Amino acid sequence: MKGNTSRCPVYNNGDVNSRNLIHLKLSFDEAFDNTSYYGNEAINWDANLRKQRKSRTFATLDGLELKWNRNFDGTYVANYYGNIMFRNFGVYAQNTSLANVRFGGYNYGVYTIYEPVGKKFLKRYMPGANTGDLYKCG
């Protein structure tokens, strides 16, 4: 789950049939090695494979951020086109797309998918910059 002030439980009052809309963050460097979560299916990584896992990407990204339509934009495209407009005007803005999110047999509806702002984002837009700070709300 992702969010500062918007974070809430997935299940509304513990009812699996009543779900809250939540923001999600997918990380492609997950190890699946925590036995408290994965039990006997936990993966035991040796040191070399662990380094490879840390640099694992999908479509050049090390993760994705999925945000539900919190602004209740009936068109679902305001953020999507806003980021395109920013990039056209030379402002560093995340690449975005739209997706209908389903998992666990439940349809969560239309989400906006964002490129995470991090090291890969900075290298793409500022390839010559070797120093500087990236500030995020945490």
N, C-alpha and C. Protein backbone atom coordinates (compact mmCIF):
# COMPACT_ATOMS: atom_id res chain seq x y z
N MET A 1 0.84 -1.18 0.00
CA MET A 1 0.00 0.00 0.00
C MET A 1 0.88 1.24 0.00
N LYS A 2 0.35 2.29 -0.59
CA LYS A 2 1.10 3.53 -0.69
C LYS A 2 0.20 4.67 -0.24
N GLY A 3 0.81 5.68 0.34
CA GLY A 3 0.06 6.87 0.73
C GLY A 3 0.45 7.36 2.10
N ASN A 4 0.32 8.64 2.32
CA ASN A 4 0.58 9.23 3.63
C ASN A 4 -0.75 9.48 4.34
N THR A 5 -1.50 10.44 3.87
CA THR A 5 -2.78 10.75 4.51
C THR A 5 -3.92 9.93 3.92
N SER A 6 -3.68 9.27 2.78
CA SER A 6 -4.75 8.52 2.13
C SER A 6 -4.74 7.04 2.48
N ARG A 7 -3.76 6.58 3.25
CA ARG A 7 -3.63 5.16 3.53
C ARG A 7 -4.76 4.68 4.43
N CYS A 8 -5.35 3.56 4.05
CA CYS A 8 -6.41 2.94 4.84
C CYS A 8 -6.35 1.44 4.62
N PRO A 9 -7.02 0.64 5.45
CA PRO A 9 -7.00 -0.81 5.27
C PRO A 9 -7.65 -1.21 3.93
N VAL A 10 -7.19 -2.31 3.35
CA VAL A 10 -7.78 -2.81 2.11
C VAL A 10 -9.23 -3.19 2.36
N TYR A 11 -9.45 -3.94 3.43
CA TYR A 11 -10.80 -4.42 3.74
C TYR A 11 -11.50 -3.43 4.65
N ASN A 12 -12.70 -3.05 4.30
CA ASN A 12 -13.49 -2.12 5.07
C ASN A 12 -14.03 -2.82 6.32
N ASN A 13 -13.53 -2.42 7.48
CA ASN A 13 -13.91 -3.03 8.77
C ASN A 13 -13.70 -4.53 8.80
N GLY A 14 -12.66 -5.01 8.09
CA GLY A 14 -12.32 -6.43 8.10
C GLY A 14 -13.19 -7.28 7.21
N ASP A 15 -14.13 -6.71 6.47
CA ASP A 15 -15.04 -7.46 5.60
C ASP A 15 -14.39 -7.63 4.23
N VAL A 16 -14.06 -8.87 3.85
CA VAL A 16 -13.37 -9.12 2.58
C VAL A 16 -14.25 -8.81 1.37
N ASN A 17 -15.55 -8.67 1.55
CA ASN A 17 -16.44 -8.34 0.45
C ASN A 17 -16.65 -6.84 0.29
N SER A 18 -16.12 -6.05 1.21
CA SER A 18 -16.21 -4.59 1.14
C SER A 18 -14.80 -4.03 1.20
N ARG A 19 -14.31 -3.54 0.08
CA ARG A 19 -12.91 -3.10 0.00
C ARG A 19 -12.83 -1.60 -0.21
N ASN A 20 -11.80 -1.03 0.39
CA ASN A 20 -11.51 0.38 0.20
C ASN A 20 -10.60 0.55 -1.01
N LEU A 21 -10.72 1.67 -1.68
CA LEU A 21 -9.80 1.99 -2.76
C LEU A 21 -8.50 2.47 -2.15
N ILE A 22 -7.39 1.91 -2.58
CA ILE A 22 -6.08 2.24 -2.02
C ILE A 22 -5.09 2.48 -3.14
N HIS A 23 -4.06 3.26 -2.84
CA HIS A 23 -2.94 3.43 -3.76
C HIS A 23 -1.98 2.26 -3.53
N LEU A 24 -1.34 1.82 -4.61
CA LEU A 24 -0.44 0.67 -4.54
C LEU A 24 0.92 1.02 -5.12
N LYS A 25 1.94 0.34 -4.64
CA LYS A 25 3.28 0.48 -5.20
C LYS A 25 3.81 -0.93 -5.45
N LEU A 26 4.23 -1.18 -6.68
CA LEU A 26 4.81 -2.47 -7.04
C LEU A 26 6.32 -2.30 -7.15
N SER A 27 7.06 -3.22 -6.55
CA SER A 27 8.51 -3.19 -6.62
C SER A 27 8.98 -4.46 -7.30
N PHE A 28 9.81 -4.32 -8.32
CA PHE A 28 10.28 -5.48 -9.07
C PHE A 28 11.54 -6.10 -8.47
N ASP A 29 12.01 -5.57 -7.34
CA ASP A 29 13.18 -6.16 -6.70
C ASP A 29 12.81 -6.93 -5.44
N GLU A 30 11.55 -7.30 -5.30
CA GLU A 30 11.08 -8.07 -4.14
C GLU A 30 11.83 -9.40 -4.06
N ALA A 31 12.24 -9.79 -2.87
CA ALA A 31 13.04 -11.00 -2.69
C ALA A 31 12.18 -12.23 -2.40
N PHE A 32 11.00 -12.05 -1.85
CA PHE A 32 10.14 -13.17 -1.45
C PHE A 32 10.88 -14.13 -0.51
N ASP A 33 11.72 -13.56 0.38
CA ASP A 33 12.54 -14.40 1.25
C ASP A 33 12.15 -14.31 2.72
N ASN A 34 11.07 -13.62 3.02
CA ASN A 34 10.62 -13.48 4.40
C ASN A 34 9.74 -14.67 4.77
N THR A 35 10.23 -15.56 5.62
CA THR A 35 9.48 -16.77 5.96
C THR A 35 8.19 -16.47 6.72
N SER A 36 8.12 -15.32 7.41
CA SER A 36 6.87 -15.00 8.12
C SER A 36 5.74 -14.69 7.13
N TYR A 37 6.08 -14.23 5.92
CA TYR A 37 5.06 -13.98 4.89
C TYR A 37 4.88 -15.17 3.96
N TYR A 38 5.99 -15.79 3.54
CA TYR A 38 5.95 -16.79 2.48
C TYR A 38 6.13 -18.22 2.97
N GLY A 39 6.39 -18.41 4.27
CA GLY A 39 6.50 -19.75 4.84
C GLY A 39 7.54 -20.59 4.14
N ASN A 40 7.18 -21.84 3.83
CA ASN A 40 8.11 -22.78 3.18
C ASN A 40 8.42 -22.40 1.74
N GLU A 41 7.63 -21.51 1.16
CA GLU A 41 7.87 -21.09 -0.22
C GLU A 41 8.84 -19.92 -0.31
N ALA A 42 9.35 -19.45 0.83
CA ALA A 42 10.32 -18.34 0.83
C ALA A 42 11.57 -18.76 0.07
N ILE A 43 12.14 -17.83 -0.68
CA ILE A 43 13.32 -18.09 -1.50
C ILE A 43 14.57 -17.73 -0.70
N ASN A 44 15.55 -18.62 -0.74
CA ASN A 44 16.83 -18.35 -0.08
C ASN A 44 17.82 -17.87 -1.13
N TRP A 45 18.15 -16.57 -1.11
CA TRP A 45 19.03 -15.96 -2.10
C TRP A 45 20.47 -16.01 -1.61
N ASP A 46 21.40 -16.43 -2.49
CA ASP A 46 22.80 -16.29 -2.13
C ASP A 46 23.23 -14.86 -2.42
N ALA A 47 24.42 -14.46 -1.99
CA ALA A 47 24.86 -13.07 -2.08
C ALA A 47 24.88 -12.56 -3.52
N ASN A 48 25.32 -13.38 -4.49
CA ASN A 48 25.41 -12.96 -5.89
C ASN A 48 24.01 -12.73 -6.47
N LEU A 49 23.10 -13.64 -6.22
CA LEU A 49 21.74 -13.49 -6.74
C LEU A 49 21.03 -12.31 -6.10
N ARG A 50 21.35 -12.02 -4.85
CA ARG A 50 20.73 -10.88 -4.16
C ARG A 50 21.11 -9.57 -4.84
N LYS A 51 22.38 -9.44 -5.28
CA LYS A 51 22.82 -8.24 -6.00
C LYS A 51 22.09 -8.12 -7.34
N GLN A 52 21.92 -9.25 -8.04
CA GLN A 52 21.21 -9.23 -9.31
C GLN A 52 19.75 -8.81 -9.11
N ARG A 53 19.14 -9.29 -8.05
CA ARG A 53 17.75 -8.97 -7.76
C ARG A 53 17.58 -7.48 -7.51
N LYS A 54 18.53 -6.87 -6.84
CA LYS A 54 18.45 -5.44 -6.53
C LYS A 54 18.45 -4.58 -7.79
N SER A 55 18.99 -5.09 -8.90
CA SER A 55 19.02 -4.31 -10.14
C SER A 55 17.97 -4.79 -11.14
N ARG A 56 17.06 -5.64 -10.72
CA ARG A 56 16.03 -6.18 -11.60
C ARG A 56 15.04 -5.09 -12.02
N THR A 57 14.68 -5.08 -13.31
CA THR A 57 13.73 -4.09 -13.83
C THR A 57 12.71 -4.79 -14.72
N PHE A 58 11.65 -4.06 -15.02
CA PHE A 58 10.65 -4.48 -16.00
C PHE A 58 10.34 -3.25 -16.84
N ALA A 59 10.50 -3.34 -18.15
CA ALA A 59 10.28 -2.22 -19.06
C ALA A 59 11.09 -1.00 -18.61
N THR A 60 12.33 -1.22 -18.21
CA THR A 60 13.31 -0.24 -17.74
C THR A 60 12.97 0.38 -16.38
N LEU A 61 11.91 -0.04 -15.74
CA LEU A 61 11.51 0.52 -14.44
C LEU A 61 11.79 -0.48 -13.32
N ASP A 62 12.07 0.04 -12.13
CA ASP A 62 12.26 -0.85 -10.99
C ASP A 62 10.99 -0.97 -10.15
N GLY A 63 9.92 -0.33 -10.60
CA GLY A 63 8.64 -0.42 -9.91
C GLY A 63 7.58 0.40 -10.63
N LEU A 64 6.37 0.34 -10.11
CA LEU A 64 5.25 1.12 -10.62
C LEU A 64 4.42 1.62 -9.44
N GLU A 65 3.79 2.76 -9.62
CA GLU A 65 2.88 3.28 -8.62
C GLU A 65 1.49 3.33 -9.24
N LEU A 66 0.50 2.78 -8.55
CA LEU A 66 -0.87 2.77 -9.04
C LEU A 66 -1.72 3.61 -8.09
N LYS A 67 -2.39 4.59 -8.65
CA LYS A 67 -3.22 5.47 -7.82
C LYS A 67 -4.65 5.46 -8.34
N TRP A 68 -5.58 5.31 -7.42
CA TRP A 68 -6.99 5.33 -7.81
C TRP A 68 -7.43 6.77 -8.02
N ASN A 69 -8.56 6.92 -8.63
CA ASN A 69 -9.08 8.22 -9.06
C ASN A 69 -9.61 8.99 -7.86
N ARG A 70 -8.72 9.47 -7.03
CA ARG A 70 -9.10 10.14 -5.78
C ARG A 70 -9.82 11.47 -6.03
N ASN A 71 -9.53 12.11 -7.15
CA ASN A 71 -10.18 13.38 -7.46
C ASN A 71 -11.55 13.20 -8.10
N PHE A 72 -11.96 11.95 -8.28
CA PHE A 72 -13.25 11.62 -8.88
C PHE A 72 -13.45 12.31 -10.23
N ASP A 73 -12.37 12.27 -11.03
CA ASP A 73 -12.41 12.79 -12.39
C ASP A 73 -13.18 11.78 -13.24
N GLY A 74 -14.35 12.16 -13.73
CA GLY A 74 -15.20 11.25 -14.49
C GLY A 74 -14.57 10.76 -15.78
N THR A 75 -13.60 11.51 -16.32
CA THR A 75 -12.94 11.10 -17.55
C THR A 75 -11.74 10.20 -17.29
N TYR A 76 -11.22 10.21 -16.07
CA TYR A 76 -10.05 9.43 -15.67
C TYR A 76 -8.75 9.87 -16.35
N VAL A 77 -8.75 10.97 -17.08
CA VAL A 77 -7.57 11.32 -17.87
C VAL A 77 -6.90 12.63 -17.48
N ALA A 78 -7.38 13.33 -16.46
CA ALA A 78 -6.80 14.63 -16.11
C ALA A 78 -5.33 14.51 -15.74
N ASN A 79 -4.97 13.57 -14.87
CA ASN A 79 -3.56 13.39 -14.49
C ASN A 79 -2.73 12.91 -15.67
N TYR A 80 -3.29 12.00 -16.44
CA TYR A 80 -2.59 11.44 -17.60
C TYR A 80 -2.21 12.56 -18.58
N TYR A 81 -3.18 13.36 -18.99
CA TYR A 81 -2.91 14.44 -19.94
C TYR A 81 -2.13 15.59 -19.29
N GLY A 82 -2.32 15.80 -18.00
CA GLY A 82 -1.54 16.81 -17.30
C GLY A 82 -0.05 16.52 -17.36
N ASN A 83 0.33 15.27 -17.15
CA ASN A 83 1.75 14.90 -17.20
C ASN A 83 2.29 15.01 -18.62
N ILE A 84 1.49 14.67 -19.62
CA ILE A 84 1.92 14.85 -21.01
C ILE A 84 2.17 16.33 -21.29
N MET A 85 1.26 17.17 -20.84
CA MET A 85 1.40 18.62 -21.04
C MET A 85 2.67 19.13 -20.36
N PHE A 86 2.91 18.71 -19.11
CA PHE A 86 4.12 19.13 -18.41
C PHE A 86 5.37 18.76 -19.21
N ARG A 87 5.44 17.51 -19.68
CA ARG A 87 6.61 17.08 -20.44
C ARG A 87 6.76 17.88 -21.73
N ASN A 88 5.65 18.19 -22.40
CA ASN A 88 5.71 19.01 -23.62
C ASN A 88 6.24 20.41 -23.36
N PHE A 89 6.05 20.91 -22.14
CA PHE A 89 6.55 22.24 -21.77
C PHE A 89 7.93 22.18 -21.11
N GLY A 90 8.55 21.01 -21.11
CA GLY A 90 9.90 20.87 -20.57
C GLY A 90 9.98 20.63 -19.08
N VAL A 91 8.86 20.38 -18.44
CA VAL A 91 8.85 20.09 -17.00
C VAL A 91 9.07 18.59 -16.82
N TYR A 92 9.94 18.21 -15.90
CA TYR A 92 10.16 16.79 -15.62
C TYR A 92 8.90 16.21 -14.99
N ALA A 93 8.27 15.29 -15.68
CA ALA A 93 7.03 14.69 -15.18
C ALA A 93 7.05 13.20 -15.45
N GLN A 94 6.40 12.46 -14.60
CA GLN A 94 6.36 11.00 -14.70
C GLN A 94 5.62 10.57 -15.96
N ASN A 95 6.04 9.45 -16.53
CA ASN A 95 5.25 8.80 -17.56
C ASN A 95 4.07 8.13 -16.86
N THR A 96 2.91 8.18 -17.50
CA THR A 96 1.71 7.61 -16.90
C THR A 96 0.94 6.81 -17.93
N SER A 97 0.05 5.98 -17.44
CA SER A 97 -0.87 5.25 -18.28
C SER A 97 -2.09 4.93 -17.43
N LEU A 98 -3.10 4.36 -18.05
CA LEU A 98 -4.31 3.97 -17.33
C LEU A 98 -4.48 2.47 -17.41
N ALA A 99 -5.07 1.88 -16.37
CA ALA A 99 -5.29 0.43 -16.36
C ALA A 99 -6.50 0.10 -15.50
N ASN A 100 -7.20 -0.93 -15.89
CA ASN A 100 -8.26 -1.48 -15.06
C ASN A 100 -7.61 -2.52 -14.16
N VAL A 101 -7.62 -2.30 -12.86
CA VAL A 101 -6.89 -3.14 -11.91
C VAL A 101 -7.82 -4.20 -11.32
N ARG A 102 -7.39 -5.45 -11.47
CA ARG A 102 -8.10 -6.58 -10.89
C ARG A 102 -7.08 -7.48 -10.20
N PHE A 103 -7.36 -7.89 -8.99
CA PHE A 103 -6.58 -8.95 -8.36
C PHE A 103 -7.40 -9.56 -7.25
N GLY A 104 -7.09 -10.81 -6.97
CA GLY A 104 -7.85 -11.55 -5.96
C GLY A 104 -9.31 -11.71 -6.32
N GLY A 105 -9.63 -11.72 -7.63
CA GLY A 105 -11.01 -11.87 -8.07
C GLY A 105 -11.87 -10.63 -7.87
N TYR A 106 -11.24 -9.51 -7.56
CA TYR A 106 -11.98 -8.27 -7.28
C TYR A 106 -11.54 -7.19 -8.27
N ASN A 107 -12.50 -6.46 -8.84
CA ASN A 107 -12.19 -5.39 -9.77
C ASN A 107 -12.12 -4.07 -9.00
N TYR A 108 -10.94 -3.47 -8.96
CA TYR A 108 -10.74 -2.20 -8.26
C TYR A 108 -11.03 -1.00 -9.15
N GLY A 109 -11.26 -1.21 -10.43
CA GLY A 109 -11.60 -0.12 -11.34
C GLY A 109 -10.38 0.46 -12.04
N VAL A 110 -10.55 1.67 -12.56
CA VAL A 110 -9.51 2.33 -13.35
C VAL A 110 -8.53 3.03 -12.42
N TYR A 111 -7.26 2.74 -12.60
CA TYR A 111 -6.17 3.36 -11.86
C TYR A 111 -5.25 4.08 -12.84
N THR A 112 -4.56 5.09 -12.36
CA THR A 112 -3.48 5.72 -13.13
C THR A 112 -2.18 5.08 -12.68
N ILE A 113 -1.39 4.62 -13.65
CA ILE A 113 -0.10 4.00 -13.36
C ILE A 113 0.98 5.06 -13.57
N TYR A 114 1.84 5.23 -12.57
CA TYR A 114 2.91 6.23 -12.62
C TYR A 114 4.27 5.57 -12.59
N GLU A 115 5.19 6.18 -13.31
CA GLU A 115 6.61 5.85 -13.19
C GLU A 115 7.10 6.39 -11.85
N PRO A 116 7.77 5.58 -11.03
CA PRO A 116 8.25 6.10 -9.75
C PRO A 116 9.33 7.18 -9.95
N VAL A 117 9.30 8.18 -9.10
CA VAL A 117 10.34 9.21 -9.12
C VAL A 117 11.46 8.74 -8.20
N GLY A 118 12.59 8.44 -8.78
CA GLY A 118 13.74 7.93 -8.03
C GLY A 118 14.98 8.02 -8.88
N LYS A 119 15.96 7.16 -8.61
CA LYS A 119 17.24 7.21 -9.32
C LYS A 119 17.10 7.02 -10.82
N LYS A 120 16.28 6.07 -11.25
CA LYS A 120 16.12 5.83 -12.68
C LYS A 120 15.44 7.02 -13.37
N PHE A 121 14.48 7.62 -12.71
CA PHE A 121 13.81 8.81 -13.23
C PHE A 121 14.82 9.94 -13.41
N LEU A 122 15.64 10.17 -12.38
CA LEU A 122 16.64 11.25 -12.45
C LEU A 122 17.67 10.99 -13.54
N LYS A 123 18.12 9.74 -13.69
CA LYS A 123 19.10 9.43 -14.74
C LYS A 123 18.51 9.65 -16.13
N ARG A 124 17.23 9.37 -16.30
CA ARG A 124 16.59 9.55 -17.60
C ARG A 124 16.49 11.03 -17.97
N TYR A 125 16.11 11.87 -17.02
CA TYR A 125 15.87 13.28 -17.33
C TYR A 125 17.07 14.18 -17.07
N MET A 126 17.98 13.76 -16.23
CA MET A 126 19.18 14.56 -15.93
C MET A 126 20.41 13.66 -15.96
N PRO A 127 20.76 13.15 -17.15
CA PRO A 127 21.84 12.16 -17.23
C PRO A 127 23.21 12.66 -16.79
N GLY A 128 23.47 13.95 -16.90
CA GLY A 128 24.79 14.48 -16.54
C GLY A 128 24.91 14.87 -15.08
N ALA A 129 23.82 14.91 -14.36
CA ALA A 129 23.86 15.36 -12.96
C ALA A 129 24.34 14.23 -12.07
N ASN A 130 25.46 14.46 -11.40
CA ASN A 130 26.01 13.45 -10.50
C ASN A 130 25.72 13.74 -9.03
N THR A 131 25.32 14.94 -8.73
CA THR A 131 25.04 15.29 -7.36
C THR A 131 23.71 16.03 -7.29
N GLY A 132 23.18 16.10 -6.11
CA GLY A 132 21.93 16.85 -5.90
C GLY A 132 21.03 16.05 -4.98
N ASP A 133 19.92 16.65 -4.65
CA ASP A 133 18.98 16.04 -3.72
C ASP A 133 17.64 15.84 -4.39
N LEU A 134 16.98 14.77 -4.02
CA LEU A 134 15.61 14.50 -4.44
C LEU A 134 14.77 14.48 -3.17
N TYR A 135 13.85 15.39 -3.06
CA TYR A 135 13.01 15.48 -1.88
C TYR A 135 11.65 14.87 -2.16
N LYS A 136 11.18 14.04 -1.24
CA LYS A 136 9.87 13.43 -1.34
C LYS A 136 9.16 13.59 -0.01
N CYS A 137 7.85 13.70 -0.08
CA CYS A 137 7.06 13.72 1.14
C CYS A 137 7.08 12.33 1.74
N GLY A 138 7.43 12.18 2.98
CA GLY A 138 7.54 10.84 3.57
C GLY A 138 6.87 10.75 4.90
